[in-house]
Amino acid sequence: MRRLFLALLPIVTLLSGCTSTDYDLVSTASIPPKFQDKDPQDFGARTPYNHNIHGVDVSKWQGDIDWVKVKGSGVSFAFIKATEGKDRVDARFNEYWQRARAAGLPYAPYHFYYFCSTADQQADWFIANVPKSAVYLPPVLDVEWNGESKTCRYRPSPLTVQTEMKRFMDRLEQHYGKRPIIYTSVDFHRDNLVGQFNDYHFWVRSVAKHPTEIYPERRWAFWQYTSTGVIPGIDGDADINVFAGSPKNWKNWVAAVSKAREQAEN
């Protein structure tokens, strides 16, 4: 029962604070972008700039990051690549999460899933390489088709996908005391996730249209709206994301998952 409480606490806190109007903040007002974008898209009235809470996701390809400058620019959170498959660790993971923590920036590790390894193999690998102190915000499961992979282009059935995802996420939730966030792309979601995992937070990629146009009926918590953003402290193009709720929702949710972390570590 205690484990169930820890898993549900962040979800209940976030969803109870979001109404149908402030979850996807809709406005016809012209709001300037919080960050520059090398290839900006016109999202119309439902622009991501209506959202107050913006964050980045990074991996070793971002190179040297000035985390103090990143936080000072207005970034509110960072998703940091940790592991991939059953045998790869991002070379900058340990450096990144520790420096993000030192800068006072909420952070979460993410795992890139390979369907050529079992859920347990990948959960074992993630747990072995990601300490509980690196899981400030809930861990993220990144599921997408990997057509450019040289080692794994296998596309299992939707039922197999869902079963493996559930097993992997159950293992992480049991270990870290937090229900994982699911990151996905348009085609993978269409092929495997429509109507599934409605009691999980979703982080969706949608760089040309508002998520409601391409993820029908999917309630999302995070939206990756560009991969060509400009973030002070990060050289080159940057992925930028927004949180669906208000600053108050964000503050309450971060407080809830932080408490869950402390309870899991005790």
Protein backbone atom coordinates (compact mmCIF):
# COMPACT_ATOMS: atom_id res chain seq x y z
CA MET A 1 0.00 0.00 0.00
CA ARG A 2 2.85 2.40 0.82
CA ARG A 3 4.41 1.75 -2.60
CA LEU A 4 1.08 2.43 -4.31
CA PHE A 5 0.76 5.71 -2.42
CA LEU A 6 4.22 6.79 -3.54
CA ALA A 7 3.37 5.96 -7.13
CA LEU A 8 0.07 7.81 -7.17
CA LEU A 9 1.03 10.87 -5.15
CA PRO A 10 2.70 12.84 -8.00
CA ILE A 11 -0.12 12.00 -10.40
CA VAL A 12 -2.88 13.00 -8.02
CA THR A 13 -1.08 16.21 -7.11
CA LEU A 14 -0.55 17.27 -10.71
CA LEU A 15 -3.92 16.32 -12.10
CA SER A 16 -5.87 17.79 -9.21
CA GLY A 17 -4.14 21.11 -9.83
CA CYS A 18 -4.84 21.24 -13.56
CA THR A 19 -8.18 22.22 -14.98
CA SER A 20 -9.34 21.68 -18.53
CA THR A 21 -8.33 25.23 -19.33
CA ASP A 22 -4.92 25.54 -17.71
CA TYR A 23 -3.65 22.08 -18.67
CA ASP A 24 -3.23 23.16 -22.29
CA LEU A 25 -2.99 26.89 -21.84
CA VAL A 26 -4.89 28.40 -24.76
CA SER A 27 -4.67 32.05 -25.61
CA THR A 28 -5.13 34.24 -28.65
CA ALA A 29 -2.71 36.82 -27.27
CA SER A 30 0.64 37.29 -28.96
CA ILE A 31 3.32 36.13 -26.53
CA PRO A 32 7.02 36.45 -27.39
CA PRO A 33 9.10 33.26 -27.24
CA LYS A 34 10.97 32.55 -24.04
CA PHE A 35 13.92 31.21 -26.04
CA GLN A 36 15.14 31.75 -29.57
CA ASP A 37 14.65 29.04 -32.19
CA LYS A 38 16.73 28.57 -35.34
CA ASP A 39 13.74 27.05 -37.15
CA PRO A 40 10.63 28.39 -35.40
CA GLN A 41 7.22 26.93 -36.25
CA ASP A 42 3.89 28.73 -36.29
CA PHE A 43 1.68 26.92 -33.79
CA GLY A 44 -1.03 29.53 -34.02
CA ALA A 45 -2.94 30.48 -30.89
CA ARG A 46 -1.88 27.28 -29.08
CA THR A 47 1.79 28.17 -29.11
CA PRO A 48 4.15 26.62 -26.55
CA TYR A 49 5.09 30.17 -25.61
CA ASN A 50 1.82 30.34 -23.67
CA HIS A 51 3.39 27.98 -21.13
CA ASN A 52 5.51 29.34 -18.33
CA ILE A 53 7.59 26.28 -17.45
CA HIS A 54 10.22 25.34 -20.03
CA GLY A 55 12.92 22.68 -19.86
CA VAL A 56 15.62 20.95 -21.89
CA ASP A 57 16.57 17.38 -22.67
CA VAL A 58 20.24 16.59 -23.21
CA SER A 59 22.70 13.82 -23.95
CA LYS A 60 26.46 13.60 -24.53
CA TRP A 61 26.00 15.31 -27.89
CA GLN A 62 25.46 18.65 -26.13
CA GLY A 63 29.08 18.55 -24.97
CA ASP A 64 30.14 20.99 -22.27
CA ILE A 65 27.12 22.60 -20.61
CA ASP A 66 27.19 25.64 -18.34
CA TRP A 67 24.39 24.53 -16.01
CA VAL A 68 24.39 27.75 -14.00
CA LYS A 69 23.83 29.74 -17.19
CA VAL A 70 21.17 27.29 -18.33
CA LYS A 71 19.21 27.73 -15.11
CA GLY A 72 19.75 31.48 -15.16
CA SER A 73 18.27 31.71 -18.66
CA GLY A 74 14.88 30.57 -17.38
CA VAL A 75 15.09 26.79 -17.85
CA SER A 76 13.06 25.03 -15.14
CA PHE A 77 14.01 21.37 -15.60
CA ALA A 78 16.29 18.97 -17.47
CA PHE A 79 15.73 15.47 -18.79
CA ILE A 80 19.16 13.82 -19.03
CA LYS A 81 19.98 10.69 -21.02
CA ALA A 82 21.27 7.97 -18.72
CA THR A 83 21.17 4.59 -20.42
CA GLU A 84 20.34 2.82 -23.66
CA GLY A 85 19.39 -0.82 -24.11
CA LYS A 86 21.08 -3.31 -21.81
CA ASP A 87 24.70 -2.15 -22.07
CA ARG A 88 25.15 1.54 -22.80
CA VAL A 89 25.56 4.51 -20.45
CA ASP A 90 25.64 8.07 -21.75
CA ALA A 91 29.20 9.33 -21.32
CA ARG A 92 28.10 12.66 -19.76
CA PHE A 93 25.26 11.37 -17.57
CA ASN A 94 26.98 11.41 -14.19
CA GLU A 95 28.54 14.80 -14.87
CA TYR A 96 25.30 16.32 -16.14
CA TRP A 97 22.96 15.28 -13.34
CA GLN A 98 25.43 16.26 -10.63
CA ARG A 99 26.04 19.67 -12.17
CA ALA A 100 22.33 20.22 -12.74
CA ARG A 101 21.77 19.42 -9.07
CA ALA A 102 24.56 21.79 -8.03
CA ALA A 103 22.92 24.54 -10.10
CA GLY A 104 19.58 23.94 -8.35
CA LEU A 105 17.84 22.67 -11.48
CA PRO A 106 15.30 19.81 -11.17
CA TYR A 107 16.45 16.86 -13.28
CA ALA A 108 15.40 13.37 -14.35
CA PRO A 109 17.26 10.53 -16.08
CA TYR A 110 15.88 8.86 -19.18
CA HIS A 111 16.38 5.44 -20.74
CA PHE A 112 16.28 4.78 -24.48
CA TYR A 113 14.55 1.44 -24.93
CA TYR A 114 15.75 -1.29 -27.31
CA PHE A 115 13.28 -3.99 -28.22
CA CYS A 116 16.11 -6.44 -28.93
CA SER A 117 16.78 -6.77 -25.19
CA THR A 118 14.35 -7.88 -22.50
CA ALA A 119 12.61 -5.50 -20.13
CA ASP A 120 14.38 -7.06 -17.15
CA GLN A 121 17.81 -6.78 -18.76
CA GLN A 122 17.24 -3.10 -19.41
CA ALA A 123 15.74 -2.43 -15.99
CA ASP A 124 18.71 -4.16 -14.37
CA TRP A 125 21.08 -2.00 -16.42
CA PHE A 126 19.27 1.25 -15.58
CA ILE A 127 19.11 0.46 -11.85
CA ALA A 128 22.80 -0.53 -11.81
CA ASN A 129 23.86 2.76 -13.38
CA VAL A 130 21.37 5.32 -12.04
CA PRO A 131 21.57 5.96 -8.30
CA LYS A 132 18.46 7.10 -6.46
CA SER A 133 20.06 10.50 -5.96
CA ALA A 134 20.05 10.92 -9.76
CA VAL A 135 16.26 10.53 -9.84
CA TYR A 136 15.03 13.89 -8.58
CA LEU A 137 12.06 13.99 -10.95
CA PRO A 138 10.56 10.64 -12.02
CA PRO A 139 12.63 8.54 -14.43
CA VAL A 140 11.67 8.58 -18.09
CA LEU A 141 11.15 5.68 -20.49
CA ASP A 142 11.93 6.81 -24.04
CA VAL A 143 10.07 4.58 -26.53
CA GLU A 144 10.24 5.27 -30.25
CA TRP A 145 11.00 3.35 -33.43
CA ASN A 146 14.73 3.36 -34.07
CA GLY A 147 14.94 2.92 -37.83
CA GLU A 148 18.51 4.21 -38.03
CA SER A 149 19.91 1.68 -35.55
CA LYS A 150 22.68 -0.59 -36.85
CA THR A 151 21.93 -3.26 -34.27
CA CYS A 152 18.18 -3.31 -33.58
CA ARG A 153 15.37 -2.42 -35.99
CA TYR A 154 12.94 -4.98 -34.61
CA ARG A 155 9.34 -3.77 -34.35
CA PRO A 156 7.32 -6.08 -32.10
CA SER A 157 3.52 -6.20 -31.93
CA PRO A 158 1.64 -3.56 -29.91
CA LEU A 159 0.84 -6.14 -27.23
CA THR A 160 4.51 -7.06 -26.88
CA VAL A 161 5.46 -3.39 -26.75
CA GLN A 162 2.92 -2.67 -24.03
CA THR A 163 3.86 -5.74 -22.00
CA GLU A 164 7.58 -4.94 -22.10
CA MET A 165 7.01 -1.29 -21.25
CA LYS A 166 4.86 -2.21 -18.27
CA ARG A 167 7.43 -4.66 -16.95
CA PHE A 168 10.26 -2.14 -17.31
CA MET A 169 8.29 0.66 -15.66
CA ASP A 170 7.09 -1.56 -12.82
CA ARG A 171 10.70 -2.44 -12.03
CA LEU A 172 11.73 1.21 -11.92
CA GLU A 173 8.71 2.25 -9.89
CA GLN A 174 9.39 -0.47 -7.35
CA HIS A 175 13.04 0.55 -7.02
CA TYR A 176 12.78 4.35 -7.08
CA GLY A 177 9.32 4.85 -5.58
CA LYS A 178 8.15 6.97 -8.52
CA ARG A 179 5.96 6.17 -11.49
CA PRO A 180 7.99 6.74 -14.69
CA ILE A 181 7.14 9.28 -17.36
CA ILE A 182 6.68 7.98 -20.92
CA TYR A 183 8.37 9.84 -23.77
CA THR A 184 7.21 8.97 -27.27
CA SER A 185 7.02 10.12 -30.87
CA VAL A 186 4.05 10.46 -33.20
CA ASP A 187 4.46 7.21 -35.17
CA PHE A 188 5.31 5.05 -32.18
CA HIS A 189 2.35 6.37 -30.24
CA ARG A 190 0.04 5.80 -33.19
CA ASP A 191 1.26 2.22 -33.65
CA ASN A 192 1.34 1.15 -30.00
CA LEU A 193 0.03 3.53 -27.36
CA VAL A 194 -3.34 4.95 -28.36
CA GLY A 195 -5.64 4.46 -25.37
CA GLN A 196 -2.88 2.85 -23.30
CA PHE A 197 -1.17 3.85 -20.03
CA ASN A 198 -3.64 6.60 -19.20
CA ASP A 199 -2.50 6.61 -15.56
CA TYR A 200 1.03 7.64 -16.57
CA HIS A 201 2.38 11.07 -17.42
CA PHE A 202 3.27 11.45 -21.11
CA TRP A 203 6.01 13.56 -22.62
CA VAL A 204 5.26 13.88 -26.35
CA ARG A 205 7.23 15.07 -29.33
CA SER A 206 5.37 17.44 -31.65
CA VAL A 207 7.54 19.95 -33.49
CA ALA A 208 5.11 21.19 -36.16
CA LYS A 209 1.64 21.11 -34.62
CA HIS A 210 0.03 21.31 -31.21
CA PRO A 211 -0.06 17.85 -29.56
CA THR A 212 -3.85 17.74 -29.55
CA GLU A 213 -3.80 17.68 -33.36
CA ILE A 214 -1.62 14.58 -33.66
CA TYR A 215 -2.15 12.79 -30.34
CA PRO A 216 -5.97 12.77 -30.21
CA GLU A 217 -7.37 12.29 -26.71
CA ARG A 218 -3.89 11.96 -25.17
CA ARG A 219 -3.51 14.00 -22.02
CA TRP A 220 0.10 15.11 -21.93
CA ALA A 221 2.26 16.54 -19.17
CA PHE A 222 5.33 17.58 -21.22
CA TRP A 223 5.60 18.71 -24.84
CA GLN A 224 8.85 18.68 -26.81
CA TYR A 225 8.15 21.42 -29.32
CA THR A 226 11.52 22.05 -30.98
CA SER A 227 14.92 20.48 -31.57
CA THR A 228 16.46 23.69 -32.90
CA GLY A 229 16.17 25.89 -29.83
CA VAL A 230 18.82 28.24 -28.52
CA ILE A 231 19.59 27.90 -24.81
CA PRO A 232 22.26 30.05 -23.14
CA GLY A 233 24.86 27.68 -21.69
CA ILE A 234 24.36 25.01 -24.39
CA ASP A 235 26.29 25.15 -27.64
CA GLY A 236 24.41 24.20 -30.79
CA ASP A 237 20.79 23.22 -31.25
CA ALA A 238 18.79 22.30 -28.16
CA ASP A 239 15.57 20.39 -27.55
CA ILE A 240 13.08 22.53 -25.63
CA ASN A 241 10.01 21.27 -23.79
CA VAL A 242 7.14 22.79 -21.88
CA PHE A 243 5.21 21.59 -18.86
CA ALA A 244 1.44 21.55 -19.36
CA GLY A 245 0.34 23.17 -16.11
CA SER A 246 0.78 26.48 -14.37
CA PRO A 247 3.76 27.53 -12.25
CA LYS A 248 1.74 26.59 -9.17
CA ASN A 249 1.05 23.12 -10.63
CA TRP A 250 4.76 22.75 -11.32
CA LYS A 251 5.81 23.78 -7.83
CA ASN A 252 3.32 21.37 -6.24
CA TRP A 253 4.31 18.47 -8.49
CA VAL A 254 8.05 18.90 -7.93
CA ALA A 255 7.46 19.07 -4.18
CA ALA A 256 5.41 15.86 -4.34
CA VAL A 257 7.93 13.82 -6.31
CA SER A 258 10.79 15.14 -4.18
CA LYS A 259 8.98 13.88 -1.09
CA ALA A 260 8.44 10.53 -2.78
CA ARG A 261 12.18 10.33 -3.43
CA GLU A 262 13.06 11.04 0.18
CA GLN A 263 10.63 8.37 1.39
CA ALA A 264 11.99 5.83 -1.09
CA GLU A 265 15.57 6.45 0.07
CA ASN A 266 14.71 6.07 3.77
